[in-house]
Amino acid sequence: MVFNGQIVNSLNYPFFGVLRWKNTSGGQGFFCGCSYIGGPKNACISAAHCVSGKNPEDIQAEFKKSRLSDIGVFYNVKKIIIPKKYIKGNFNFDIAIIHLTEKPVSPVVPINIPDHKLGRLLKKPYNNVNIIGFGGDGRVKYFDNMNSATIQIVRKKKSKFNRYPTGDISSKLLLATGYQDESRSKVVRDACLGDSGGPLFTYHEGIPYLIGSITGGRGCAVEGYPGIYSNILKFKKFISKKAEL
């Protein structure tokens, strides 16, 4: 679940999908989120820890669903590509490119990936960004409704807002969390269990841009420990090569 998010409609997020075990439906078999980025390989972006060691033939990506219990549109997975430097349990390089066997049809459309100039602007500290997902909160595995929340980019410099050990948060990562008010005195919104692989995105001139992929964190909405996201800008070459964008 997106912790303290709001229930939203999938039609507003046509690039967002879920990964699930093949031959399951409804809430069964769901394990992570993904973002459709298109291209000739019909590619999606997710987290490496979601798909590492999994057989592509056993997985499907499902789109167009506001509730997990809804039956969406399924696409089979053809190939999974993970950076060679990915190490299980490490946040760095926790990104995956997933090729679908066929091109999704309307209303599924790709989310945009910004160029470096625009990307640097969009990921500045304190900028508002968005997350969506179906993940659970530790008490339940997942929630039926799609949830979304607006959160803020957090500076990587160690402070009361970022208490991760120095060196843990590399340039390959972004930090973001949702505060109660402008004083940033209390954390109230965050990605949570099961949201991994889903998008960290924002809008520029009304167009959605993917700037991160949900990786993990220390708990959900914990003071001083913002959510951790793969920094899409740092994987532009990897994405361009493997998705042929």
Protein backbone atom coordinates (compact mmCIF):
# COMPACT_ATOMS: atom_id res chain seq x y z
CA MET A 1 0.00 0.00 0.00
CA VAL A 2 1.07 3.56 -0.58
CA PHE A 3 1.10 4.50 3.10
CA ASN A 4 -1.62 7.12 3.76
CA GLY A 5 -2.33 7.42 0.04
CA GLN A 6 -5.62 8.14 -1.66
CA ILE A 7 -7.68 5.70 -3.72
CA VAL A 8 -7.26 6.48 -7.43
CA ASN A 9 -8.46 5.27 -10.84
CA SER A 10 -6.10 3.37 -13.14
CA LEU A 11 -7.26 5.42 -16.13
CA ASN A 12 -5.22 8.33 -14.75
CA TYR A 13 -2.07 6.15 -14.70
CA PRO A 14 -2.16 4.20 -18.00
CA PHE A 15 1.54 3.31 -17.74
CA PHE A 16 1.26 1.51 -14.38
CA GLY A 17 1.05 -2.25 -14.20
CA VAL A 18 1.49 -5.08 -11.73
CA LEU A 19 3.65 -8.18 -11.97
CA ARG A 20 2.02 -11.46 -11.04
CA TRP A 21 2.48 -15.15 -11.38
CA LYS A 22 1.00 -16.56 -14.56
CA ASN A 23 -2.42 -18.19 -14.46
CA THR A 24 -3.52 -16.20 -11.43
CA SER A 25 -6.16 -13.48 -11.31
CA GLY A 26 -7.71 -10.96 -8.96
CA GLY A 27 -5.51 -10.40 -5.92
CA GLN A 28 -3.82 -13.77 -6.27
CA GLY A 29 -0.25 -13.95 -7.50
CA PHE A 30 0.53 -10.22 -7.31
CA PHE A 31 4.05 -9.40 -6.09
CA CYS A 32 5.33 -6.06 -7.50
CA GLY A 33 4.61 -3.02 -9.64
CA CYS A 34 6.06 -1.91 -12.96
CA SER A 35 6.03 1.02 -15.39
CA TYR A 36 5.48 0.58 -19.12
CA ILE A 37 8.05 2.55 -21.16
CA GLY A 38 7.31 1.05 -24.60
CA GLY A 39 9.78 1.05 -27.47
CA PRO A 40 10.35 -1.79 -29.97
CA LYS A 41 10.93 -4.23 -27.10
CA ASN A 42 7.60 -3.37 -25.40
CA ALA A 43 9.56 -2.74 -22.24
CA CYS A 44 8.64 -2.13 -18.61
CA ILE A 45 10.79 -0.99 -15.71
CA SER A 46 10.62 -2.68 -12.32
CA ALA A 47 12.97 -3.52 -9.45
CA ALA A 48 15.63 -6.21 -9.82
CA HIS A 49 14.74 -7.77 -6.46
CA CYS A 50 11.21 -8.32 -7.78
CA VAL A 51 12.28 -10.53 -10.68
CA SER A 52 15.78 -11.78 -9.89
CA GLY A 53 15.92 -15.54 -10.32
CA LYS A 54 12.41 -15.75 -11.76
CA ASN A 55 11.57 -17.47 -15.04
CA PRO A 56 10.03 -15.01 -17.54
CA GLU A 57 7.62 -17.69 -18.71
CA ASP A 58 6.09 -17.82 -15.21
CA ILE A 59 5.30 -14.07 -15.02
CA GLN A 60 2.75 -11.72 -16.55
CA ALA A 61 2.33 -7.96 -16.47
CA GLU A 62 -1.23 -6.76 -15.93
CA PHE A 63 -2.55 -3.28 -16.68
CA LYS A 64 -5.81 -1.33 -16.57
CA LYS A 65 -6.97 -2.20 -13.07
CA SER A 66 -8.04 0.13 -10.28
CA ARG A 67 -8.60 -2.81 -7.96
CA LEU A 68 -6.54 -5.97 -7.65
CA SER A 69 -9.75 -7.97 -7.70
CA ASP A 70 -10.55 -6.53 -11.15
CA ILE A 71 -9.52 -8.47 -14.22
CA GLY A 72 -7.13 -6.26 -16.18
CA VAL A 73 -5.28 -6.75 -19.44
CA PHE A 74 -2.53 -9.41 -19.27
CA TYR A 75 0.73 -9.52 -21.23
CA ASN A 76 3.26 -12.34 -21.09
CA VAL A 77 6.88 -11.64 -20.20
CA LYS A 78 9.47 -12.53 -22.83
CA LYS A 79 12.73 -11.47 -21.19
CA ILE A 80 14.10 -10.07 -17.91
CA ILE A 81 17.31 -7.99 -17.88
CA ILE A 82 19.09 -7.05 -14.65
CA PRO A 83 22.34 -5.06 -14.31
CA LYS A 84 25.39 -7.30 -13.87
CA LYS A 85 26.38 -5.29 -10.79
CA TYR A 86 23.11 -6.00 -8.97
CA ILE A 87 23.63 -7.77 -5.65
CA LYS A 88 20.68 -9.25 -3.80
CA GLY A 89 19.89 -7.22 -0.70
CA ASN A 90 21.69 -4.12 -1.97
CA PHE A 91 19.71 -1.07 -3.09
CA ASN A 92 22.23 -0.10 -5.78
CA PHE A 93 21.48 -1.35 -9.30
CA ASP A 94 18.07 -2.57 -8.12
CA ILE A 95 16.42 -2.04 -11.48
CA ALA A 96 15.12 -4.40 -14.16
CA ILE A 97 14.02 -4.11 -17.78
CA ILE A 98 11.19 -6.46 -18.70
CA HIS A 99 10.30 -7.24 -22.33
CA LEU A 100 6.70 -8.14 -23.02
CA THR A 101 5.79 -10.62 -25.76
CA GLU A 102 3.35 -8.23 -27.41
CA LYS A 103 2.63 -4.52 -27.56
CA PRO A 104 0.02 -3.34 -25.05
CA VAL A 105 -3.01 -1.66 -26.59
CA SER A 106 -4.92 1.46 -25.58
CA PRO A 107 -5.46 2.70 -22.94
CA VAL A 108 -2.01 1.38 -21.88
CA VAL A 109 0.56 3.99 -22.92
CA PRO A 110 4.24 4.45 -22.02
CA ILE A 111 5.45 6.93 -19.44
CA ASN A 112 8.15 9.34 -20.60
CA ILE A 113 11.76 9.26 -19.43
CA PRO A 114 13.24 12.77 -19.16
CA ASP A 115 16.49 13.86 -20.74
CA HIS A 116 19.29 14.73 -18.33
CA LYS A 117 18.56 18.46 -18.28
CA LEU A 118 14.89 18.06 -17.47
CA GLY A 119 15.57 15.12 -15.15
CA ARG A 120 17.93 17.16 -12.99
CA LEU A 121 15.24 19.81 -12.68
CA LEU A 122 12.50 17.34 -11.76
CA LYS A 123 14.48 15.54 -9.05
CA LYS A 124 15.64 18.58 -7.09
CA PRO A 125 15.23 18.34 -3.29
CA TYR A 126 11.78 19.32 -1.98
CA ASN A 127 10.14 18.89 -5.39
CA ASN A 128 6.79 17.14 -5.28
CA VAL A 129 6.71 13.70 -6.87
CA ASN A 130 4.18 10.84 -6.96
CA ILE A 131 3.96 7.15 -6.15
CA ILE A 132 1.26 4.53 -6.82
CA GLY A 133 0.78 0.92 -5.82
CA PHE A 134 -1.28 -1.89 -4.27
CA GLY A 135 1.24 -3.10 -1.68
CA GLY A 136 0.45 -4.07 1.93
CA ASP A 137 1.45 -2.39 5.19
CA GLY A 138 2.99 -5.29 7.11
CA ARG A 139 -0.34 -6.45 8.50
CA VAL A 140 -1.79 -7.49 5.13
CA LYS A 141 -0.01 -8.59 1.94
CA TYR A 142 -1.76 -6.11 -0.32
CA PHE A 143 -4.75 -3.79 -0.57
CA ASP A 144 -7.46 -4.14 -3.19
CA ASN A 145 -7.59 -0.47 -4.19
CA MET A 146 -4.89 1.35 -6.14
CA ASN A 147 -3.44 4.12 -3.96
CA SER A 148 -1.41 7.19 -4.86
CA ALA A 149 0.37 9.86 -2.83
CA THR A 150 2.35 13.03 -3.40
CA ILE A 151 5.69 13.03 -1.60
CA GLN A 152 8.90 15.11 -1.72
CA ILE A 153 12.47 14.49 -2.84
CA VAL A 154 14.79 14.41 0.22
CA ARG A 155 18.41 15.58 0.20
CA LYS A 156 20.97 12.79 0.39
CA LYS A 157 23.10 14.72 2.86
CA LYS A 158 22.88 13.11 6.28
CA SER A 159 20.47 15.03 8.53
CA LYS A 160 17.41 14.47 10.70
CA PHE A 161 15.55 13.87 7.42
CA ASN A 162 18.09 11.27 6.25
CA ARG A 163 19.63 9.05 8.92
CA TYR A 164 20.86 6.30 6.63
CA PRO A 165 24.55 5.52 7.22
CA THR A 166 26.93 7.61 5.15
CA GLY A 167 27.74 5.79 1.94
CA ASP A 168 24.53 3.74 1.82
CA ILE A 169 22.77 6.15 -0.53
CA SER A 170 24.80 6.38 -3.73
CA SER A 171 24.24 8.48 -6.84
CA LYS A 172 22.28 5.53 -8.24
CA LEU A 173 19.52 6.26 -5.73
CA LEU A 174 16.94 8.90 -4.83
CA LEU A 175 15.25 9.52 -1.49
CA ALA A 176 11.66 10.69 -1.11
CA THR A 177 8.96 10.77 1.54
CA GLY A 178 5.70 12.57 2.37
CA TYR A 179 5.46 15.11 5.18
CA GLN A 180 2.42 16.22 7.14
CA ASP A 181 2.99 19.90 6.37
CA GLU A 182 5.57 22.40 5.13
CA SER A 183 7.48 22.24 8.42
CA ARG A 184 8.40 18.63 7.55
CA SER A 185 8.10 17.77 11.22
CA LYS A 186 6.26 14.50 10.69
CA VAL A 187 6.39 11.81 7.99
CA VAL A 188 2.95 10.57 6.99
CA ARG A 189 3.21 9.23 3.39
CA ASP A 190 5.55 6.65 1.90
CA ALA A 191 5.77 3.61 -0.36
CA CYS A 192 5.36 0.37 1.59
CA LEU A 193 5.55 -3.42 1.30
CA GLY A 194 4.60 -4.71 -2.14
CA ASP A 195 4.98 -1.35 -3.89
CA SER A 196 8.47 -2.28 -5.12
CA GLY A 197 9.10 -1.78 -8.82
CA GLY A 198 6.40 0.84 -9.14
CA PRO A 199 7.05 4.36 -10.42
CA LEU A 200 8.32 7.51 -8.79
CA PHE A 201 7.09 10.12 -11.24
CA THR A 202 6.12 13.74 -11.68
CA TYR A 203 4.52 16.00 -14.24
CA HIS A 204 6.07 18.70 -16.42
CA GLU A 205 3.72 20.75 -18.57
CA GLY A 206 1.05 18.14 -17.95
CA ILE A 207 3.19 15.22 -19.16
CA PRO A 208 4.17 12.41 -16.73
CA TYR A 209 7.87 11.61 -16.43
CA LEU A 210 9.46 8.63 -14.72
CA ILE A 211 12.32 9.67 -12.44
CA GLY A 212 12.59 6.68 -10.12
CA SER A 213 11.59 3.09 -9.41
CA ILE A 214 10.52 2.00 -5.92
CA THR A 215 13.29 -0.03 -4.29
CA GLY A 216 12.79 -0.14 -0.52
CA GLY A 217 13.57 1.61 2.74
CA ARG A 218 13.53 1.08 6.47
CA GLY A 219 9.90 0.50 7.41
CA CYS A 220 7.04 2.62 6.11
CA ALA A 221 6.81 6.37 6.87
CA VAL A 222 9.57 6.18 9.52
CA GLU A 223 11.10 9.49 10.64
CA GLY A 224 14.57 9.99 9.19
CA TYR A 225 14.34 7.03 6.81
CA PRO A 226 12.73 8.13 3.55
CA GLY A 227 11.84 5.70 0.81
CA ILE A 228 14.67 4.60 -1.48
CA TYR A 229 14.29 4.70 -5.26
CA SER A 230 16.49 3.77 -8.21
CA ASN A 231 17.53 7.00 -9.94
CA ILE A 232 16.32 6.60 -13.53
CA LEU A 233 18.73 9.25 -14.83
CA LYS A 234 21.68 7.14 -13.68
CA PHE A 235 20.38 4.20 -15.71
CA LYS A 236 19.61 6.06 -18.96
CA LYS A 237 22.26 4.20 -20.96
CA PHE A 238 21.19 0.84 -19.53
CA ILE A 239 17.54 1.57 -20.30
CA SER A 240 18.25 2.91 -23.78
CA LYS A 241 20.34 -0.14 -24.68
CA LYS A 242 18.15 -2.84 -23.18
CA ALA A 243 14.79 -1.32 -24.10
CA GLU A 244 16.07 0.11 -27.40
CA LEU A 245 14.52 3.50 -26.69
